[in-house]
Amino acid sequence: MIVAITGTPGIGKTSVSEVLRKKEFDIVDLNKVAVEKQFLIGVDIDRDSKIVDVDKLNKYIEKNYDGKDIVFIDGHLSHLLNAVDKVIVLRCHPKILKKRITVKNWKKEKIRENLEAEILDVILCETAEKQSRENVFEIDTTEKNVDDVAECVLEIIKNNFEHMKKYNMGNIDWSEEILKEDYGG
């Protein structure tokens, strides 16, 4: 089973994935695969980010990981892959996310764009376009440390990916934050 761990950049996907790796789960770093396998088709200079060929990335993931036990795909594009069976979307209140990503020394505009994406549920909306509701789980990381978030993921696994109300898609809503002046950097 291929499980995407996704969310707005800076939300903690890789940190959670590292905890899961220590618990002996297979983790695929989507960014690393894209670079190593040369699935890059350009650079977005304004966003200071690489543009990835998602179709090639999807074919690679499907070919190499389909049919395996549980494999986590770590990356903010992982929810866009057709090869994914389940998606875990990590979410964070914009004020806390702002604190987390400000230390990354990103450009002010990139910080603002990512905060807006979190407020407007961009990742969740993209996920909902690709996946049925029963395949999507949402975890609020706002008041949790990385080990707590990893435990939430493990709880979802232990429950055989059956839905629990606390992880249902659509429980988290930051939309009113867009009206506040200080959310964006």
N, C-alpha and C. Protein backbone atom coordinates (compact mmCIF):
# COMPACT_ATOMS: atom_id res chain seq x y z
N MET A 1 0.84 -1.17 0.00
CA MET A 1 0.00 0.00 0.00
C MET A 1 0.89 1.24 0.00
N ILE A 2 0.58 2.14 -0.89
CA ILE A 2 1.34 3.38 -1.01
C ILE A 2 0.57 4.49 -0.32
N VAL A 3 1.21 5.12 0.68
CA VAL A 3 0.57 6.15 1.49
C VAL A 3 1.34 7.46 1.35
N ALA A 4 0.66 8.48 0.88
CA ALA A 4 1.27 9.80 0.76
C ALA A 4 1.21 10.51 2.10
N ILE A 5 2.32 11.12 2.47
CA ILE A 5 2.34 12.06 3.60
C ILE A 5 2.60 13.41 2.97
N THR A 6 1.59 14.26 3.01
CA THR A 6 1.64 15.52 2.29
C THR A 6 1.22 16.67 3.19
N GLY A 7 1.34 17.85 2.66
CA GLY A 7 0.97 19.06 3.39
C GLY A 7 1.76 20.23 2.85
N THR A 8 1.40 21.39 3.30
CA THR A 8 2.08 22.62 2.91
C THR A 8 3.57 22.53 3.23
N PRO A 9 4.44 23.05 2.36
CA PRO A 9 5.87 23.04 2.67
C PRO A 9 6.15 23.65 4.05
N GLY A 10 7.00 22.96 4.81
CA GLY A 10 7.38 23.41 6.14
C GLY A 10 6.51 22.85 7.26
N ILE A 11 5.54 22.04 6.93
CA ILE A 11 4.56 21.57 7.92
C ILE A 11 5.09 20.43 8.79
N GLY A 12 6.14 19.72 8.34
CA GLY A 12 6.72 18.65 9.15
C GLY A 12 6.68 17.26 8.53
N LYS A 13 6.40 17.18 7.25
CA LYS A 13 6.30 15.88 6.57
C LYS A 13 7.56 15.05 6.72
N THR A 14 8.68 15.65 6.44
CA THR A 14 9.95 14.92 6.47
C THR A 14 10.32 14.52 7.90
N SER A 15 10.06 15.38 8.86
CA SER A 15 10.35 15.04 10.26
C SER A 15 9.51 13.84 10.71
N VAL A 16 8.24 13.85 10.37
CA VAL A 16 7.36 12.72 10.71
C VAL A 16 7.83 11.46 9.99
N SER A 17 8.20 11.61 8.73
CA SER A 17 8.68 10.46 7.95
C SER A 17 9.93 9.86 8.58
N GLU A 18 10.80 10.70 9.10
CA GLU A 18 12.02 10.19 9.74
C GLU A 18 11.69 9.38 10.99
N VAL A 19 10.70 9.81 11.75
CA VAL A 19 10.27 9.03 12.93
C VAL A 19 9.73 7.68 12.46
N LEU A 20 8.93 7.68 11.40
CA LEU A 20 8.37 6.44 10.86
C LEU A 20 9.48 5.53 10.32
N ARG A 21 10.50 6.13 9.72
CA ARG A 21 11.64 5.34 9.22
C ARG A 21 12.33 4.62 10.39
N LYS A 22 12.49 5.31 11.50
CA LYS A 22 13.10 4.71 12.69
C LYS A 22 12.26 3.57 13.24
N LYS A 23 10.96 3.59 12.91
CA LYS A 23 10.07 2.51 13.33
C LYS A 23 10.01 1.42 12.24
N GLU A 24 10.97 1.50 11.32
CA GLU A 24 11.21 0.50 10.28
C GLU A 24 10.18 0.47 9.16
N PHE A 25 9.54 1.61 8.90
CA PHE A 25 8.68 1.72 7.73
C PHE A 25 9.54 2.18 6.54
N ASP A 26 9.14 1.76 5.35
CA ASP A 26 9.79 2.24 4.13
C ASP A 26 9.31 3.66 3.85
N ILE A 27 10.27 4.54 3.60
CA ILE A 27 9.97 5.94 3.30
C ILE A 27 10.63 6.29 1.98
N VAL A 28 9.88 6.91 1.10
CA VAL A 28 10.42 7.39 -0.17
C VAL A 28 10.39 8.91 -0.12
N ASP A 29 11.56 9.53 -0.24
CA ASP A 29 11.68 10.98 -0.29
C ASP A 29 11.43 11.41 -1.73
N LEU A 30 10.25 11.95 -1.99
CA LEU A 30 9.85 12.31 -3.34
C LEU A 30 10.78 13.32 -3.99
N ASN A 31 11.24 14.30 -3.22
CA ASN A 31 12.15 15.31 -3.77
C ASN A 31 13.47 14.68 -4.20
N LYS A 32 13.97 13.78 -3.37
CA LYS A 32 15.24 13.10 -3.68
C LYS A 32 15.09 12.25 -4.95
N VAL A 33 13.99 11.52 -5.05
CA VAL A 33 13.74 10.69 -6.24
C VAL A 33 13.66 11.57 -7.48
N ALA A 34 12.93 12.67 -7.40
CA ALA A 34 12.77 13.57 -8.55
C ALA A 34 14.12 14.08 -9.05
N VAL A 35 15.01 14.41 -8.13
CA VAL A 35 16.33 14.92 -8.51
C VAL A 35 17.21 13.78 -9.04
N GLU A 36 17.29 12.69 -8.29
CA GLU A 36 18.17 11.58 -8.68
C GLU A 36 17.76 10.94 -10.00
N LYS A 37 16.48 10.82 -10.25
CA LYS A 37 15.98 10.18 -11.48
C LYS A 37 15.76 11.19 -12.61
N GLN A 38 16.11 12.42 -12.35
CA GLN A 38 16.01 13.51 -13.33
C GLN A 38 14.59 13.69 -13.87
N PHE A 39 13.64 13.75 -12.92
CA PHE A 39 12.25 14.00 -13.27
C PHE A 39 11.93 15.49 -13.15
N LEU A 40 12.95 16.32 -13.27
CA LEU A 40 12.75 17.78 -13.19
C LEU A 40 12.60 18.33 -14.60
N ILE A 41 11.65 19.24 -14.77
CA ILE A 41 11.43 19.82 -16.09
C ILE A 41 11.67 21.33 -16.12
N GLY A 42 12.14 21.86 -15.01
CA GLY A 42 12.45 23.28 -14.97
C GLY A 42 12.59 23.80 -13.56
N VAL A 43 12.75 25.12 -13.48
CA VAL A 43 12.88 25.79 -12.19
C VAL A 43 11.96 26.99 -12.18
N ASP A 44 11.24 27.15 -11.10
CA ASP A 44 10.40 28.32 -10.91
C ASP A 44 11.25 29.31 -10.11
N ILE A 45 11.81 30.27 -10.81
CA ILE A 45 12.73 31.22 -10.19
C ILE A 45 12.03 32.06 -9.13
N ASP A 46 10.79 32.49 -9.43
CA ASP A 46 10.05 33.32 -8.47
C ASP A 46 9.82 32.59 -7.15
N ARG A 47 9.56 31.29 -7.22
CA ARG A 47 9.27 30.51 -6.02
C ARG A 47 10.51 29.81 -5.49
N ASP A 48 11.62 29.94 -6.20
CA ASP A 48 12.86 29.28 -5.80
C ASP A 48 12.62 27.78 -5.57
N SER A 49 11.98 27.15 -6.58
CA SER A 49 11.68 25.73 -6.45
C SER A 49 11.79 25.03 -7.81
N LYS A 50 11.95 23.73 -7.75
CA LYS A 50 12.07 22.91 -8.95
C LYS A 50 10.68 22.53 -9.44
N ILE A 51 10.54 22.39 -10.76
CA ILE A 51 9.30 21.93 -11.34
C ILE A 51 9.48 20.46 -11.69
N VAL A 52 8.59 19.63 -11.18
CA VAL A 52 8.72 18.18 -11.28
C VAL A 52 7.73 17.63 -12.31
N ASP A 53 8.18 16.65 -13.09
CA ASP A 53 7.30 15.93 -13.99
C ASP A 53 6.56 14.88 -13.17
N VAL A 54 5.35 15.20 -12.76
CA VAL A 54 4.58 14.35 -11.86
C VAL A 54 4.23 13.02 -12.53
N ASP A 55 3.99 13.02 -13.84
CA ASP A 55 3.67 11.77 -14.54
C ASP A 55 4.82 10.78 -14.48
N LYS A 56 6.03 11.25 -14.73
CA LYS A 56 7.20 10.36 -14.65
C LYS A 56 7.41 9.88 -13.22
N LEU A 57 7.23 10.77 -12.29
CA LEU A 57 7.38 10.43 -10.88
C LEU A 57 6.35 9.37 -10.48
N ASN A 58 5.13 9.54 -10.94
CA ASN A 58 4.07 8.58 -10.65
C ASN A 58 4.40 7.20 -11.21
N LYS A 59 4.84 7.15 -12.46
CA LYS A 59 5.18 5.86 -13.09
C LYS A 59 6.30 5.17 -12.32
N TYR A 60 7.28 5.94 -11.87
CA TYR A 60 8.39 5.37 -11.11
C TYR A 60 7.89 4.78 -9.79
N ILE A 61 7.08 5.54 -9.07
CA ILE A 61 6.56 5.07 -7.77
C ILE A 61 5.71 3.82 -7.97
N GLU A 62 4.85 3.85 -8.96
CA GLU A 62 3.98 2.70 -9.23
C GLU A 62 4.80 1.45 -9.57
N LYS A 63 5.78 1.62 -10.42
CA LYS A 63 6.61 0.49 -10.86
C LYS A 63 7.42 -0.10 -9.71
N ASN A 64 7.92 0.75 -8.84
CA ASN A 64 8.86 0.30 -7.80
C ASN A 64 8.23 -0.01 -6.44
N TYR A 65 7.01 0.46 -6.20
CA TYR A 65 6.45 0.31 -4.85
C TYR A 65 5.05 -0.28 -4.80
N ASP A 66 4.38 -0.40 -5.91
CA ASP A 66 3.03 -0.97 -5.90
C ASP A 66 3.08 -2.42 -5.45
N GLY A 67 2.15 -2.80 -4.59
CA GLY A 67 2.07 -4.17 -4.12
C GLY A 67 2.90 -4.47 -2.88
N LYS A 68 3.69 -3.50 -2.43
CA LYS A 68 4.46 -3.70 -1.21
C LYS A 68 3.56 -3.44 -0.01
N ASP A 69 4.04 -3.82 1.18
CA ASP A 69 3.26 -3.61 2.40
C ASP A 69 2.91 -2.13 2.50
N ILE A 70 3.38 -1.43 3.50
CA ILE A 70 3.12 0.01 3.61
C ILE A 70 4.39 0.76 3.26
N VAL A 71 4.28 1.63 2.28
CA VAL A 71 5.37 2.50 1.86
C VAL A 71 4.84 3.92 1.96
N PHE A 72 5.56 4.78 2.68
CA PHE A 72 5.17 6.18 2.81
C PHE A 72 5.93 7.01 1.78
N ILE A 73 5.20 7.86 1.08
CA ILE A 73 5.79 8.78 0.12
C ILE A 73 5.77 10.16 0.75
N ASP A 74 6.96 10.66 1.07
CA ASP A 74 7.12 11.95 1.74
C ASP A 74 7.34 13.04 0.70
N GLY A 75 6.42 13.99 0.66
CA GLY A 75 6.62 15.12 -0.24
C GLY A 75 5.33 15.88 -0.47
N HIS A 76 5.45 17.18 -0.68
CA HIS A 76 4.24 17.99 -0.83
C HIS A 76 3.56 17.80 -2.18
N LEU A 77 4.14 16.99 -3.06
CA LEU A 77 3.47 16.62 -4.31
C LEU A 77 2.92 15.20 -4.27
N SER A 78 3.16 14.48 -3.19
CA SER A 78 2.82 13.06 -3.13
C SER A 78 1.32 12.80 -3.31
N HIS A 79 0.49 13.72 -2.90
CA HIS A 79 -0.96 13.55 -3.04
C HIS A 79 -1.41 13.62 -4.50
N LEU A 80 -0.55 14.10 -5.39
CA LEU A 80 -0.89 14.22 -6.81
C LEU A 80 -0.63 12.93 -7.59
N LEU A 81 0.00 11.96 -6.94
CA LEU A 81 0.34 10.72 -7.62
C LEU A 81 -0.86 9.78 -7.69
N ASN A 82 -1.14 9.28 -8.88
CA ASN A 82 -2.24 8.32 -9.05
C ASN A 82 -1.92 6.99 -8.39
N ALA A 83 -0.65 6.70 -8.19
CA ALA A 83 -0.23 5.42 -7.60
C ALA A 83 -0.54 5.33 -6.11
N VAL A 84 -0.88 6.44 -5.50
CA VAL A 84 -1.12 6.49 -4.05
C VAL A 84 -2.47 5.87 -3.71
N ASP A 85 -2.47 5.03 -2.66
CA ASP A 85 -3.71 4.39 -2.19
C ASP A 85 -4.40 5.20 -1.10
N LYS A 86 -3.62 5.78 -0.19
CA LYS A 86 -4.14 6.57 0.93
C LYS A 86 -3.32 7.85 1.02
N VAL A 87 -3.94 8.90 1.56
CA VAL A 87 -3.26 10.18 1.72
C VAL A 87 -3.47 10.68 3.14
N ILE A 88 -2.36 11.05 3.78
CA ILE A 88 -2.41 11.68 5.10
C ILE A 88 -1.93 13.12 4.90
N VAL A 89 -2.85 14.05 5.13
CA VAL A 89 -2.56 15.47 4.95
C VAL A 89 -2.25 16.06 6.32
N LEU A 90 -1.04 16.57 6.48
CA LEU A 90 -0.66 17.24 7.73
C LEU A 90 -1.06 18.70 7.62
N ARG A 91 -1.68 19.22 8.67
CA ARG A 91 -2.16 20.60 8.70
C ARG A 91 -1.60 21.30 9.93
N CYS A 92 -1.54 22.62 9.88
CA CYS A 92 -1.03 23.39 11.01
C CYS A 92 -1.65 24.78 10.98
N HIS A 93 -2.01 25.28 12.16
CA HIS A 93 -2.55 26.64 12.24
C HIS A 93 -1.52 27.60 11.64
N PRO A 94 -1.98 28.53 10.80
CA PRO A 94 -1.06 29.44 10.11
C PRO A 94 -0.10 30.21 11.01
N LYS A 95 -0.52 30.61 12.22
CA LYS A 95 0.40 31.35 13.11
C LYS A 95 1.58 30.47 13.52
N ILE A 96 1.31 29.21 13.80
CA ILE A 96 2.38 28.28 14.19
C ILE A 96 3.21 27.92 12.96
N LEU A 97 2.55 27.68 11.84
CA LEU A 97 3.28 27.37 10.61
C LEU A 97 4.22 28.53 10.24
N LYS A 98 3.75 29.75 10.42
CA LYS A 98 4.59 30.93 10.13
C LYS A 98 5.87 30.89 10.97
N LYS A 99 5.73 30.54 12.24
CA LYS A 99 6.92 30.43 13.10
C LYS A 99 7.87 29.35 12.59
N ARG A 100 7.30 28.22 12.18
CA ARG A 100 8.10 27.09 11.70
C ARG A 100 8.86 27.42 10.42
N ILE A 101 8.19 28.11 9.50
CA ILE A 101 8.85 28.33 8.20
C ILE A 101 9.67 29.61 8.14
N THR A 102 9.45 30.52 9.07
CA THR A 102 10.25 31.75 9.08
C THR A 102 11.72 31.43 9.32
N VAL A 103 12.01 30.41 10.10
CA VAL A 103 13.41 30.05 10.39
C VAL A 103 14.11 29.41 9.19
N LYS A 104 13.37 29.10 8.12
CA LYS A 104 13.96 28.48 6.94
C LYS A 104 14.62 29.49 6.01
N ASN A 105 14.53 30.75 6.35
CA ASN A 105 15.12 31.82 5.54
C ASN A 105 14.58 31.86 4.11
N TRP A 106 13.28 31.56 3.97
CA TRP A 106 12.64 31.67 2.66
C TRP A 106 12.32 33.13 2.41
N LYS A 107 12.13 33.46 1.13
CA LYS A 107 11.71 34.81 0.77
C LYS A 107 10.34 35.08 1.39
N LYS A 108 10.11 36.34 1.72
CA LYS A 108 8.85 36.74 2.35
C LYS A 108 7.65 36.31 1.51
N GLU A 109 7.75 36.45 0.20
CA GLU A 109 6.64 36.08 -0.69
C GLU A 109 6.37 34.57 -0.66
N LYS A 110 7.43 33.77 -0.56
CA LYS A 110 7.25 32.31 -0.49
C LYS A 110 6.57 31.93 0.83
N ILE A 111 6.94 32.58 1.90
CA ILE A 111 6.29 32.33 3.20
C ILE A 111 4.82 32.68 3.10
N ARG A 112 4.54 33.84 2.56
CA ARG A 112 3.15 34.29 2.42
C ARG A 112 2.35 33.31 1.56
N GLU A 113 2.91 32.89 0.45
CA GLU A 113 2.22 31.97 -0.45
C GLU A 113 1.90 30.64 0.24
N ASN A 114 2.85 30.13 1.01
CA ASN A 114 2.62 28.86 1.71
C ASN A 114 1.59 29.01 2.82
N LEU A 115 1.60 30.13 3.52
CA LEU A 115 0.58 30.37 4.54
C LEU A 115 -0.81 30.48 3.91
N GLU A 116 -0.89 31.17 2.78
CA GLU A 116 -2.18 31.26 2.08
C GLU A 116 -2.64 29.89 1.63
N ALA A 117 -1.72 29.07 1.14
CA ALA A 117 -2.07 27.71 0.71
C ALA A 117 -2.64 26.90 1.88
N GLU A 118 -2.06 27.06 3.05
CA GLU A 118 -2.55 26.34 4.24
C GLU A 118 -3.93 26.86 4.64
N ILE A 119 -4.10 28.16 4.65
CA ILE A 119 -5.38 28.77 5.03
C ILE A 119 -6.49 28.34 4.08
N LEU A 120 -6.18 28.27 2.80
CA LEU A 120 -7.19 27.97 1.78
C LEU A 120 -7.32 26.47 1.47
N ASP A 121 -6.66 25.63 2.25
CA ASP A 121 -6.77 24.17 2.07
C ASP A 121 -6.32 23.70 0.69
N VAL A 122 -5.33 24.32 0.10
CA VAL A 122 -4.93 23.98 -1.26
C VAL A 122 -4.57 22.50 -1.39
N ILE A 123 -3.73 21.99 -0.51
CA ILE A 123 -3.31 20.58 -0.59
C ILE A 123 -4.52 19.67 -0.41
N LEU A 124 -5.37 19.98 0.56
CA LEU A 124 -6.55 19.16 0.80
C LEU A 124 -7.49 19.18 -0.41
N CYS A 125 -7.69 20.33 -1.01
CA CYS A 125 -8.55 20.43 -2.20
C CYS A 125 -7.98 19.62 -3.36
N GLU A 126 -6.67 19.73 -3.58
CA GLU A 126 -6.04 18.94 -4.64
C GLU A 126 -6.20 17.44 -4.36
N THR A 127 -6.05 17.07 -3.10
CA THR A 127 -6.20 15.67 -2.71
C THR A 127 -7.63 15.20 -2.96
N ALA A 128 -8.60 16.01 -2.59
CA ALA A 128 -10.01 15.65 -2.77
C ALA A 128 -10.37 15.47 -4.23
N GLU A 129 -9.67 16.15 -5.12
CA GLU A 129 -9.91 15.98 -6.56
C GLU A 129 -9.42 14.63 -7.06
N LYS A 130 -8.42 14.05 -6.38
CA LYS A 130 -7.80 12.81 -6.84
C LYS A 130 -8.26 11.57 -6.07
N GLN A 131 -8.65 11.77 -4.83
CA GLN A 131 -8.94 10.63 -3.95
C GLN A 131 -10.37 10.67 -3.44
N SER A 132 -10.92 9.50 -3.17
CA SER A 132 -12.23 9.46 -2.53
C SER A 132 -12.03 9.74 -1.04
N ARG A 133 -13.06 10.25 -0.44
CA ARG A 133 -13.03 10.70 0.96
C ARG A 133 -12.48 9.63 1.92
N GLU A 134 -12.84 8.36 1.69
CA GLU A 134 -12.40 7.30 2.60
C GLU A 134 -10.90 7.02 2.53
N ASN A 135 -10.23 7.58 1.54
CA ASN A 135 -8.79 7.37 1.41
C ASN A 135 -7.96 8.54 1.94
N VAL A 136 -8.63 9.55 2.51
CA VAL A 136 -7.94 10.77 2.94
C VAL A 136 -8.10 10.97 4.45
N PHE A 137 -6.98 11.29 5.10
CA PHE A 137 -6.93 11.54 6.54
C PHE A 137 -6.24 12.88 6.76
N GLU A 138 -6.73 13.63 7.74
CA GLU A 138 -6.17 14.94 8.06
C GLU A 138 -5.70 14.93 9.51
N ILE A 139 -4.47 15.37 9.74
CA ILE A 139 -3.94 15.45 11.10
C ILE A 139 -3.55 16.90 11.39
N ASP A 140 -4.10 17.45 12.46
CA ASP A 140 -3.75 18.79 12.91
C ASP A 140 -2.47 18.68 13.75
N THR A 141 -1.39 19.25 13.25
CA THR A 141 -0.09 19.17 13.92
C THR A 141 0.17 20.35 14.84
N THR A 142 -0.76 21.29 14.91
CA THR A 142 -0.54 22.57 15.59
C THR A 142 0.03 22.42 16.99
N GLU A 143 -0.59 21.60 17.81
CA GLU A 143 -0.16 21.47 19.21
C GLU A 143 0.54 20.14 19.47
N LYS A 144 1.09 19.55 18.42
CA LYS A 144 1.75 18.25 18.56
C LYS A 144 3.21 18.36 18.18
N ASN A 145 4.04 17.57 18.86
CA ASN A 145 5.43 17.47 18.41
C ASN A 145 5.50 16.37 17.36
N VAL A 146 6.65 16.19 16.77
CA VAL A 146 6.80 15.25 15.67
C VAL A 146 6.48 13.81 16.08
N ASP A 147 6.83 13.42 17.29
CA ASP A 147 6.51 12.07 17.76
C ASP A 147 5.00 11.88 17.93
N ASP A 148 4.32 12.91 18.40
CA ASP A 148 2.86 12.85 18.54
C ASP A 148 2.19 12.66 17.17
N VAL A 149 2.68 13.38 16.18
CA VAL A 149 2.12 13.27 14.83
C VAL A 149 2.37 11.87 14.28
N ALA A 150 3.58 11.36 14.48
CA ALA A 150 3.89 9.99 14.04
C ALA A 150 2.96 8.98 14.73
N GLU A 151 2.65 9.21 16.00
CA GLU A 151 1.72 8.33 16.71
C GLU A 151 0.32 8.39 16.09
N CYS A 152 -0.09 9.55 15.62
CA CYS A 152 -1.38 9.67 14.94
C CYS A 152 -1.37 8.83 13.66
N VAL A 153 -0.28 8.89 12.92
CA VAL A 153 -0.15 8.07 11.71
C VAL A 153 -0.22 6.59 12.07
N LEU A 154 0.48 6.20 13.12
CA LEU A 154 0.45 4.80 13.56
C LEU A 154 -0.95 4.39 14.00
N GLU A 155 -1.68 5.29 14.63
CA GLU A 155 -3.05 5.00 15.03
C GLU A 155 -3.93 4.73 13.80
N ILE A 156 -3.73 5.50 12.75
CA ILE A 156 -4.48 5.30 11.51
C ILE A 156 -4.15 3.92 10.93
N ILE A 157 -2.88 3.54 10.96
CA ILE A 157 -2.46 2.22 10.46
C ILE A 157 -3.09 1.12 11.30
N LYS A 158 -2.97 1.25 12.63
CA LYS A 158 -3.52 0.23 13.54
C LYS A 158 -5.02 0.06 13.36
N ASN A 159 -5.68 1.11 12.92
CA ASN A 159 -7.12 1.07 12.68
C ASN A 159 -7.42 0.61 11.24
N ASN A 160 -6.40 0.07 10.57
CA ASN A 160 -6.52 -0.44 9.20
C ASN A 160 -7.07 0.59 8.21
N PHE A 161 -6.71 1.83 8.43
CA PHE A 161 -7.12 2.93 7.57
C PHE A 161 -8.65 3.10 7.52
N GLU A 162 -9.31 2.62 8.56
CA GLU A 162 -10.74 2.88 8.70
C GLU A 162 -10.86 4.28 9.30
N HIS A 163 -11.90 4.96 8.96
CA HIS A 163 -11.99 6.34 9.41
C HIS A 163 -12.36 6.48 10.88
N MET A 164 -11.68 7.44 11.49
CA MET A 164 -11.98 7.89 12.84
C MET A 164 -12.34 9.36 12.71
N LYS A 165 -13.36 9.77 13.38
CA LYS A 165 -13.88 11.13 13.22
C LYS A 165 -12.78 12.19 13.34
N LYS A 166 -11.84 11.98 14.28
CA LYS A 166 -10.83 13.02 14.51
C LYS A 166 -9.87 13.21 13.33
N TYR A 167 -9.81 12.26 12.42
CA TYR A 167 -8.94 12.39 11.25
C TYR A 167 -9.71 12.55 9.94
N ASN A 168 -11.01 12.79 10.03
CA ASN A 168 -11.81 12.95 8.83
C ASN A 168 -11.42 14.19 8.05
N MET A 169 -11.47 14.07 6.76
CA MET A 169 -11.20 15.19 5.87
C MET A 169 -12.24 16.28 6.10
N GLY A 170 -11.77 17.51 6.24
CA GLY A 170 -12.67 18.64 6.40
C GLY A 170 -12.89 19.10 7.84
N ASN A 171 -12.25 18.44 8.79
CA ASN A 171 -12.40 18.85 10.19
C ASN A 171 -11.65 20.14 10.50
N ILE A 172 -10.65 20.46 9.71
CA ILE A 172 -9.77 21.60 10.01
C ILE A 172 -10.12 22.76 9.08
N ASP A 173 -10.28 23.94 9.66
CA ASP A 173 -10.67 25.11 8.88
C ASP A 173 -9.95 26.34 9.41
N TRP A 174 -9.03 26.84 8.61
CA TRP A 174 -8.30 28.06 8.99
C TRP A 174 -8.79 29.26 8.17
N SER A 175 -9.86 29.13 7.44
CA SER A 175 -10.26 30.14 6.45
C SER A 175 -10.41 31.56 7.02
N GLU A 176 -10.82 31.69 8.26
CA GLU A 176 -10.96 33.03 8.82
C GLU A 176 -9.62 33.74 9.01
N GLU A 177 -8.55 32.99 9.01
CA GLU A 177 -7.22 33.58 9.15
C GLU A 177 -6.87 34.49 7.98
N ILE A 178 -7.50 34.26 6.82
CA ILE A 178 -7.21 35.08 5.64
C ILE A 178 -7.59 36.54 5.88
N LEU A 179 -8.50 36.78 6.82
CA LEU A 179 -8.95 38.13 7.13
C LEU A 179 -7.98 38.87 8.06
N LYS A 180 -7.02 38.16 8.62
CA LYS A 180 -6.09 38.77 9.55
C LYS A 180 -4.86 39.28 8.79
N GLU A 181 -4.39 40.42 9.19
CA GLU A 181 -3.29 41.06 8.48
C GLU A 181 -1.94 40.42 8.75
N ASP A 182 -1.76 39.78 9.89
CA ASP A 182 -0.42 39.34 10.26
C ASP A 182 -0.12 37.88 9.93
N TYR A 183 -0.95 37.21 9.15
CA TYR A 183 -0.70 35.80 8.90
C TYR A 183 0.46 35.58 7.96
N GLY A 184 0.76 36.55 7.12
CA GLY A 184 1.62 36.24 6.00
C GLY A 184 3.04 36.73 5.93
N GLY A 185 3.70 36.96 6.95
CA GLY A 185 5.12 37.18 6.77
C GLY A 185 5.56 38.57 6.68
